[in-house]
Amino acid sequence: MIKYLGSKRRLVPVLTELFARSGTTSALDLFTGTTRVAQAFKAAGGEVTAVDSARYSEVFARTWIETDANEIDTTALADELARLNGLPGEAGYVTATFCEESRFFQPFNGERIDAIRQAIADDHAGSELEPILLTSLLLAADRVDSTTGLQMAYVKEWAARSFKPLELRPPELLPGRGRAVRGDASSLAGRLGSFDLAYLDPPYNQHRYFTNYHVWETLIAWDRPEHYGVACKRVDSRDDDTKSVFNRKREMPDALRRTIADVDADVVVVSYNDESWVSLDELREMCAVHGDVVALGFDSKRYVGAQIGIHNPAGERVGQVGKLRNQEYVLVAGPSATVNHMTEPFRTHLVT
C-alpha cells in the first residue's frame, strides 16, 4: 500500500471487527483513498462500493474492489508484469518533470516509469488488466520515491530507497466483486443506493489530496499536464473543480452534515480525529440522524511530516516539531441494539 496521509492502517482491525459484528453484507466506503478499509470489508465477506474523487483511488478500487481474483488469469498477469519489468527505460514526461525539474525519482527509475506507463497505455487501455498493471506501477514507484510520503515536496538528499531499481509486483487480489465509483462524495452520497453499513473517513483540514498526490494523478491520467512550482504540481490544481468543499473551513461542517444525512445505510461509521474543524460533540449530533451514537477513541501517532518538522523548498528546517500523537475517533450510529453489539469489545475506548 502506498504511503498515505490519513491512512487507517492502525484502525483497520477495529473497523473490520465492527463490520463483522454488524452482521451486514453490503458496505459503502465513501472516501476510500487507498481502499485499505474497503479491502478489509471485502475480505470479511462484504460486497463493497468504494468511492473517491481521485483518479488513483478509482484505479485502486477497480483493482482491489471490482476485480474478482478468481476471474483473473494469473499466468497472463505474471507474464505481462515480467515483460514490462524487462522494458528498457525511455526518458519522457516523468523523467523530465519528476526527475530533472524536480527530484521525486532518480532518472534511471523515471525512464522506466515512462516506458512502462506508455506500454500500458498502448497495449492495455480498457482491458481488465489495465487497473491491475497501473496499481502495480504506482506501488512500485512509491517504493523508490524520494519523499516523506507527500508530494508537495521531496527530500533534500536522495532517499536511500530511491537508489533501488523499480520492480513491478502483482497486487494481492481478493475474491468476489464490488464497485468502484469516482466522484465527489457530497454530491454522490444520496445517489449510490442502500447499504447495510456505510463508512466515512472525510478529509480533516485544508490539506488537499489532489495536490498531496499530484504525481499519482498524473501517472494515472497520463495527460502530461503543464505544471508549476518547485514540486511541479499539475496546473489544474488551481481549478475550482479540483478543490473539495471538505478542505474549506467555513463550508466543510455543513457539507459533512449533509453528506452523513444523505447516506442511505442501516449503520453509519465515521472516523475522525481531534485536529479537525468539527468537534466531537458536533460530529455526534451529525451522526444522530441515523440513530443512537457511540463514540470510541484511539491514541495514534501523527503522520511522518509532523514528526520531522517544517522544511522550506531547499530542505532546510524552518519550523519546530509539534505534538506527535493525536486521538482518532470512530463513531458508530444506528439501531441501539446493533450499535451496542458492534462496540461491545471496545468499551475501554468509549468517549463520553
Protein backbone atom coordinates (compact mmCIF):
# COMPACT_ATOMS: atom_id res chain seq x y z
CA MET A 1 0.00 0.00 0.00
CA ILE A 2 1.32 3.47 -0.84
CA LYS A 3 2.42 5.92 1.84
CA TYR A 4 -0.72 7.95 2.52
CA LEU A 5 -1.84 10.84 4.69
CA GLY A 6 -4.74 9.80 6.89
CA SER A 7 -4.18 6.10 6.31
CA LYS A 8 -6.38 3.96 8.53
CA ARG A 9 -3.84 1.14 8.84
CA ARG A 10 -3.94 1.18 12.64
CA LEU A 11 -7.75 1.32 12.75
CA VAL A 12 -8.38 -1.43 10.18
CA PRO A 13 -8.62 -4.23 12.81
CA VAL A 14 -11.18 -2.15 14.75
CA LEU A 15 -13.19 -1.26 11.66
CA THR A 16 -13.09 -4.86 10.42
CA GLU A 17 -14.43 -6.17 13.72
CA LEU A 18 -17.14 -3.53 13.75
CA PHE A 19 -18.16 -4.63 10.27
CA ALA A 20 -18.12 -8.32 11.20
CA ARG A 21 -20.17 -7.76 14.37
CA SER A 22 -22.73 -5.71 12.45
CA GLY A 23 -23.78 -8.89 10.65
CA THR A 24 -24.09 -6.92 7.43
CA THR A 25 -23.08 -7.83 3.89
CA SER A 26 -23.21 -4.66 1.79
CA ALA A 27 -20.92 -1.75 2.57
CA LEU A 28 -20.12 1.72 1.28
CA ASP A 29 -16.66 3.27 1.71
CA LEU A 30 -17.35 6.87 0.73
CA PHE A 31 -13.85 8.41 0.98
CA THR A 32 -11.93 5.28 0.08
CA GLY A 33 -8.44 6.70 -0.62
CA THR A 34 -6.12 3.73 -0.96
CA THR A 35 -9.11 1.34 -0.42
CA ARG A 36 -7.45 -0.12 2.68
CA VAL A 37 -10.73 -0.23 4.63
CA ALA A 38 -12.79 -1.27 1.60
CA GLN A 39 -10.40 -4.18 1.09
CA ALA A 40 -10.82 -5.24 4.71
CA PHE A 41 -14.61 -5.21 4.37
CA LYS A 42 -14.41 -7.19 1.13
CA ALA A 43 -12.04 -9.73 2.69
CA ALA A 44 -14.55 -10.10 5.54
CA GLY A 45 -17.25 -11.09 3.06
CA GLY A 46 -18.75 -7.72 2.20
CA GLU A 47 -19.99 -6.54 -1.16
CA VAL A 48 -18.35 -3.13 -1.21
CA THR A 49 -18.83 0.10 -3.14
CA ALA A 50 -15.68 2.25 -2.95
CA VAL A 51 -15.97 5.96 -3.79
CA ASP A 52 -13.38 8.72 -4.17
CA SER A 53 -12.71 11.71 -6.39
CA ALA A 54 -9.06 10.80 -7.10
CA ARG A 55 -8.05 9.02 -10.29
CA TYR A 56 -5.57 6.81 -8.47
CA SER A 57 -8.22 5.82 -5.93
CA GLU A 58 -10.52 4.73 -8.73
CA VAL A 59 -7.73 2.56 -10.15
CA PHE A 60 -7.09 1.02 -6.73
CA ALA A 61 -10.81 0.35 -6.31
CA ARG A 62 -11.06 -1.23 -9.76
CA THR A 63 -8.12 -3.47 -8.81
CA TRP A 64 -8.94 -4.49 -5.25
CA ILE A 65 -12.71 -4.00 -5.05
CA GLU A 66 -14.23 -4.52 -8.52
CA THR A 67 -11.85 -7.24 -9.68
CA ASP A 68 -12.61 -10.84 -8.70
CA ALA A 69 -9.33 -12.67 -8.10
CA ASN A 70 -10.96 -15.91 -9.22
CA GLU A 71 -11.59 -14.50 -12.69
CA ILE A 72 -8.09 -13.22 -13.43
CA ASP A 73 -5.62 -15.29 -15.46
CA THR A 74 -2.72 -15.07 -13.01
CA THR A 75 -0.29 -16.63 -15.50
CA ALA A 76 -1.08 -13.99 -18.10
CA LEU A 77 -0.72 -11.28 -15.46
CA ALA A 78 2.65 -12.63 -14.31
CA ASP A 79 3.87 -12.87 -17.91
CA GLU A 80 2.86 -9.29 -18.65
CA LEU A 81 4.48 -7.97 -15.47
CA ALA A 82 7.67 -9.79 -16.47
CA ARG A 83 7.53 -8.23 -19.94
CA LEU A 84 7.01 -4.74 -18.55
CA ASN A 85 9.78 -5.25 -16.00
CA GLY A 86 12.10 -6.11 -18.88
CA LEU A 87 11.43 -2.98 -20.93
CA PRO A 88 14.39 -0.63 -21.33
CA GLY A 89 13.92 2.83 -19.89
CA GLU A 90 12.91 5.66 -22.18
CA ALA A 91 13.05 9.25 -20.99
CA GLY A 92 9.75 11.08 -21.28
CA TYR A 93 7.45 13.34 -19.24
CA VAL A 94 8.13 11.65 -15.89
CA THR A 95 11.88 11.81 -16.33
CA ALA A 96 11.87 15.45 -17.41
CA THR A 97 9.31 16.64 -14.85
CA PHE A 98 9.77 14.47 -11.76
CA CYS A 99 13.48 13.60 -12.04
CA GLU A 100 15.16 16.60 -13.65
CA GLU A 101 12.95 19.63 -12.93
CA SER A 102 12.15 18.13 -9.53
CA ARG A 103 13.59 15.17 -7.61
CA PHE A 104 10.80 12.74 -6.85
CA PHE A 105 12.57 9.81 -8.57
CA GLN A 106 16.07 9.06 -9.69
CA PRO A 107 16.33 9.46 -13.50
CA PHE A 108 17.01 5.77 -14.16
CA ASN A 109 13.74 4.90 -12.45
CA GLY A 110 11.91 7.80 -14.11
CA GLU A 111 12.89 6.42 -17.50
CA ARG A 112 11.47 3.03 -16.58
CA ILE A 113 8.24 4.57 -15.30
CA ASP A 114 7.91 6.43 -18.60
CA ALA A 115 8.45 3.27 -20.66
CA ILE A 116 6.14 1.06 -18.59
CA ARG A 117 3.33 3.62 -18.36
CA GLN A 118 3.36 4.17 -22.11
CA ALA A 119 3.32 0.41 -22.74
CA ILE A 120 0.26 0.03 -20.50
CA ALA A 121 -1.47 2.84 -22.43
CA ASP A 122 -0.56 1.29 -25.79
CA ASP A 123 -1.32 -2.35 -25.01
CA HIS A 124 -3.93 -2.47 -22.24
CA ALA A 125 -6.22 0.58 -22.40
CA GLY A 126 -9.72 -0.57 -21.47
CA SER A 127 -8.68 -4.13 -20.62
CA GLU A 128 -9.31 -5.99 -17.36
CA LEU A 129 -5.57 -5.95 -16.71
CA GLU A 130 -5.20 -2.17 -17.07
CA PRO A 131 -6.10 -1.17 -13.48
CA ILE A 132 -4.06 -4.05 -12.05
CA LEU A 133 -0.98 -3.07 -14.05
CA LEU A 134 -1.43 0.61 -13.14
CA THR A 135 -1.75 -0.33 -9.47
CA SER A 136 1.44 -2.39 -9.72
CA LEU A 137 3.24 0.59 -11.28
CA LEU A 138 2.09 3.05 -8.60
CA LEU A 139 3.10 0.69 -5.81
CA ALA A 140 6.49 0.17 -7.47
CA ALA A 141 7.02 3.91 -7.90
CA ASP A 142 6.07 4.55 -4.28
CA ARG A 143 8.75 2.08 -3.14
CA VAL A 144 11.50 4.08 -4.89
CA ASP A 145 10.36 7.68 -4.44
CA SER A 146 12.28 10.36 -2.52
CA THR A 147 9.60 11.97 -0.34
CA THR A 148 8.33 11.75 3.23
CA GLY A 149 5.04 10.44 1.82
CA LEU A 150 3.51 13.65 0.46
CA GLN A 151 4.20 15.06 -3.00
CA MET A 152 4.09 18.74 -2.09
CA ALA A 153 7.87 18.45 -1.80
CA TYR A 154 10.76 15.99 -1.96
CA VAL A 155 13.65 15.46 0.42
CA LYS A 156 16.85 17.47 0.06
CA GLU A 157 19.11 14.44 -0.37
CA TRP A 158 18.07 11.32 -2.28
CA ALA A 159 16.23 8.87 -0.02
CA ALA A 160 18.01 5.51 0.35
CA ARG A 161 15.11 3.66 -1.29
CA SER A 162 15.37 5.83 -4.41
CA PHE A 163 18.58 4.02 -5.41
CA LYS A 164 16.71 0.71 -5.71
CA PRO A 165 15.53 -0.34 -9.17
CA LEU A 166 11.82 -0.08 -9.84
CA GLU A 167 10.16 -3.51 -9.75
CA LEU A 168 6.59 -4.39 -10.68
CA ARG A 169 4.93 -6.96 -8.45
CA PRO A 170 1.45 -8.49 -8.72
CA PRO A 171 -1.03 -6.85 -6.33
CA GLU A 172 -2.70 -9.26 -3.91
CA LEU A 173 -6.20 -9.54 -5.37
CA LEU A 174 -9.33 -10.52 -3.45
CA PRO A 175 -12.07 -12.97 -4.47
CA GLY A 176 -15.53 -11.54 -5.02
CA ARG A 177 -16.76 -8.42 -6.70
CA GLY A 178 -17.59 -4.87 -5.71
CA ARG A 179 -17.99 -1.50 -7.33
CA ALA A 180 -15.65 1.43 -7.94
CA VAL A 181 -17.13 4.91 -8.32
CA ARG A 182 -15.21 8.10 -9.00
CA GLY A 183 -16.84 11.34 -7.94
CA ASP A 184 -17.49 13.91 -5.24
CA ALA A 185 -18.82 12.37 -2.02
CA SER A 186 -21.06 15.31 -1.14
CA SER A 187 -22.99 15.04 -4.39
CA LEU A 188 -22.99 11.24 -4.67
CA ALA A 189 -23.83 10.22 -1.09
CA GLY A 190 -27.59 10.02 -1.62
CA ARG A 191 -27.44 8.53 -5.12
CA LEU A 192 -25.41 5.37 -4.60
CA GLY A 193 -28.20 3.11 -3.34
CA SER A 194 -28.93 1.48 0.00
CA PHE A 195 -26.33 -0.25 2.13
CA ASP A 196 -26.23 -2.24 5.33
CA LEU A 197 -23.24 -0.22 6.54
CA ALA A 198 -21.58 2.97 5.36
CA TYR A 199 -18.09 4.07 6.38
CA LEU A 200 -17.00 7.70 6.05
CA ASP A 201 -13.46 8.98 6.55
CA PRO A 202 -13.68 12.59 5.30
CA PRO A 203 -10.72 14.97 5.00
CA TYR A 204 -9.91 16.67 8.30
CA ASN A 205 -8.50 20.02 7.22
CA GLN A 206 -7.21 22.23 4.37
CA HIS A 207 -4.71 19.71 3.00
CA ARG A 208 -5.82 18.61 -0.45
CA TYR A 209 -5.24 15.07 -1.65
CA PHE A 210 -5.25 16.27 -5.26
CA THR A 211 -2.06 18.25 -4.65
CA ASN A 212 -0.60 15.99 -1.98
CA TYR A 213 -0.59 13.13 -4.52
CA HIS A 214 -0.41 15.02 -7.81
CA VAL A 215 2.29 12.68 -9.18
CA TRP A 216 -0.07 9.69 -8.85
CA GLU A 217 -2.86 11.72 -10.50
CA THR A 218 -0.58 12.41 -13.45
CA LEU A 219 0.65 8.83 -13.76
CA ILE A 220 -2.94 7.60 -13.98
CA ALA A 221 -4.28 10.39 -16.23
CA TRP A 222 -1.14 10.17 -18.40
CA ASP A 223 -2.00 13.56 -19.84
CA ARG A 224 1.41 15.25 -19.50
CA PRO A 225 -0.04 18.41 -17.94
CA GLU A 226 1.55 21.81 -17.68
CA HIS A 227 2.93 22.30 -14.20
CA TYR A 228 4.18 24.95 -11.81
CA GLY A 229 6.30 25.44 -8.71
CA VAL A 230 9.20 23.54 -7.20
CA ALA A 231 7.10 20.37 -6.85
CA CYS A 232 5.89 20.59 -10.48
CA LYS A 233 2.23 20.39 -9.45
CA ARG A 234 -0.41 20.00 -12.15
CA VAL A 235 -1.63 23.37 -13.39
CA ASP A 236 -5.23 22.23 -12.93
CA SER A 237 -4.55 22.17 -9.19
CA ARG A 238 -5.60 25.81 -9.41
CA ASP A 239 -9.00 24.98 -10.91
CA ASP A 240 -12.09 25.10 -8.71
CA ASP A 241 -13.28 21.67 -9.87
CA THR A 242 -10.20 20.03 -8.33
CA LYS A 243 -10.87 21.63 -4.94
CA SER A 244 -13.04 19.91 -2.36
CA VAL A 245 -15.59 21.58 -0.11
CA PHE A 246 -14.17 19.39 2.66
CA ASN A 247 -10.95 21.43 2.53
CA ARG A 248 -12.73 24.75 3.18
CA LYS A 249 -13.08 25.56 6.87
CA ARG A 250 -16.28 27.59 6.57
CA GLU A 251 -18.11 25.21 4.24
CA MET A 252 -16.89 21.86 5.48
CA PRO A 253 -19.15 21.38 8.56
CA ASP A 254 -22.38 21.87 6.60
CA ALA A 255 -21.09 19.69 3.75
CA LEU A 256 -20.22 16.90 6.16
CA ARG A 257 -23.59 17.21 7.88
CA ARG A 258 -25.44 16.89 4.57
CA THR A 259 -23.26 14.01 3.39
CA ILE A 260 -23.78 11.99 6.57
CA ALA A 261 -27.52 12.63 6.43
CA ASP A 262 -27.77 11.73 2.73
CA VAL A 263 -26.16 8.29 3.12
CA ASP A 264 -28.75 5.51 2.94
CA ALA A 265 -27.46 2.88 5.37
CA ASP A 266 -28.71 0.98 8.40
CA VAL A 267 -25.47 1.67 10.27
CA VAL A 268 -23.09 4.56 9.69
CA VAL A 269 -19.48 4.54 10.90
CA VAL A 270 -17.46 7.77 10.80
CA SER A 271 -13.78 8.13 11.64
CA TYR A 272 -12.27 11.49 12.51
CA ASN A 273 -9.63 12.96 14.80
CA ASP A 274 -9.12 15.70 17.36
CA GLU A 275 -7.31 18.00 14.91
CA SER A 276 -10.32 18.51 12.66
CA TRP A 277 -12.56 21.52 12.13
CA VAL A 278 -15.52 19.71 13.68
CA SER A 279 -15.74 18.94 17.38
CA LEU A 280 -16.68 15.52 18.71
CA ASP A 281 -19.97 16.89 20.02
CA GLU A 282 -20.81 18.33 16.62
CA LEU A 283 -19.96 15.04 14.98
CA ARG A 284 -22.18 13.13 17.41
CA GLU A 285 -25.06 15.44 16.53
CA MET A 286 -24.46 14.94 12.80
CA CYS A 287 -24.49 11.15 13.16
CA ALA A 288 -27.59 11.08 15.40
CA VAL A 289 -29.83 11.31 12.33
CA HIS A 290 -29.08 7.61 11.87
CA GLY A 291 -29.95 6.52 15.43
CA ASP A 292 -28.05 6.00 18.65
CA VAL A 293 -24.40 7.07 18.56
CA VAL A 294 -21.42 5.54 20.35
CA ALA A 295 -18.01 7.25 20.12
CA LEU A 296 -14.72 5.38 20.51
CA GLY A 297 -11.28 6.96 20.89
CA PHE A 298 -7.86 5.56 19.97
CA ASP A 299 -4.45 7.09 20.63
CA SER A 300 -2.48 7.37 17.38
CA LYS A 301 0.90 8.54 16.12
CA ARG A 302 0.66 11.55 13.80
CA TYR A 303 1.80 11.38 10.19
CA VAL A 304 5.52 11.48 9.40
CA GLY A 305 5.55 15.13 8.31
CA ALA A 306 4.51 16.19 11.80
CA GLN A 307 7.37 14.20 13.28
CA ILE A 308 10.19 15.83 11.26
CA GLY A 309 9.10 19.48 11.47
CA ILE A 310 8.55 22.07 8.75
CA HIS A 311 11.06 22.48 5.91
CA ASN A 312 11.41 25.03 3.14
CA PRO A 313 11.84 24.09 -0.56
CA ALA A 314 15.61 23.84 -0.05
CA GLY A 315 15.08 21.13 2.56
CA GLU A 316 16.09 23.33 5.49
CA ARG A 317 14.11 23.07 8.72
CA VAL A 318 12.18 26.27 9.34
CA GLY A 319 9.63 25.06 11.89
CA GLN A 320 9.57 23.02 15.05
CA VAL A 321 8.12 19.59 15.64
CA GLY A 322 4.63 19.87 17.10
CA LYS A 323 2.69 17.27 19.03
CA LEU A 324 3.48 13.71 17.97
CA ARG A 325 0.21 11.97 18.79
CA ASN A 326 -3.49 12.58 18.34
CA GLN A 327 -6.82 10.98 19.14
CA GLU A 328 -8.59 9.05 16.40
CA TYR A 329 -12.35 8.87 16.84
CA VAL A 330 -14.68 6.19 15.48
CA LEU A 331 -18.40 6.97 15.78
CA VAL A 332 -20.98 4.25 15.21
CA ALA A 333 -24.61 5.26 14.59
CA GLY A 334 -27.68 3.11 14.06
CA PRO A 335 -30.24 1.00 15.93
CA SER A 336 -29.35 0.85 19.61
CA ALA A 337 -29.06 -2.94 19.88
CA THR A 338 -26.87 -3.15 16.77
CA VAL A 339 -24.60 -0.31 17.82
CA ASN A 340 -24.14 -1.72 21.32
CA HIS A 341 -23.33 -5.18 19.96
CA MET A 342 -20.83 -3.78 17.45
CA THR A 343 -18.98 -1.68 20.01
CA GLU A 344 -19.10 -4.10 22.97
CA PRO A 345 -15.45 -5.31 22.57
CA PHE A 346 -14.22 -1.71 22.62
CA ARG A 347 -15.85 -0.48 25.84
CA THR A 348 -12.47 0.60 27.24
CA HIS A 349 -12.26 3.07 24.34
CA LEU A 350 -15.62 4.74 24.96
CA VAL A 351 -15.51 8.52 24.80
CA THR A 352 -18.21 10.20 26.86
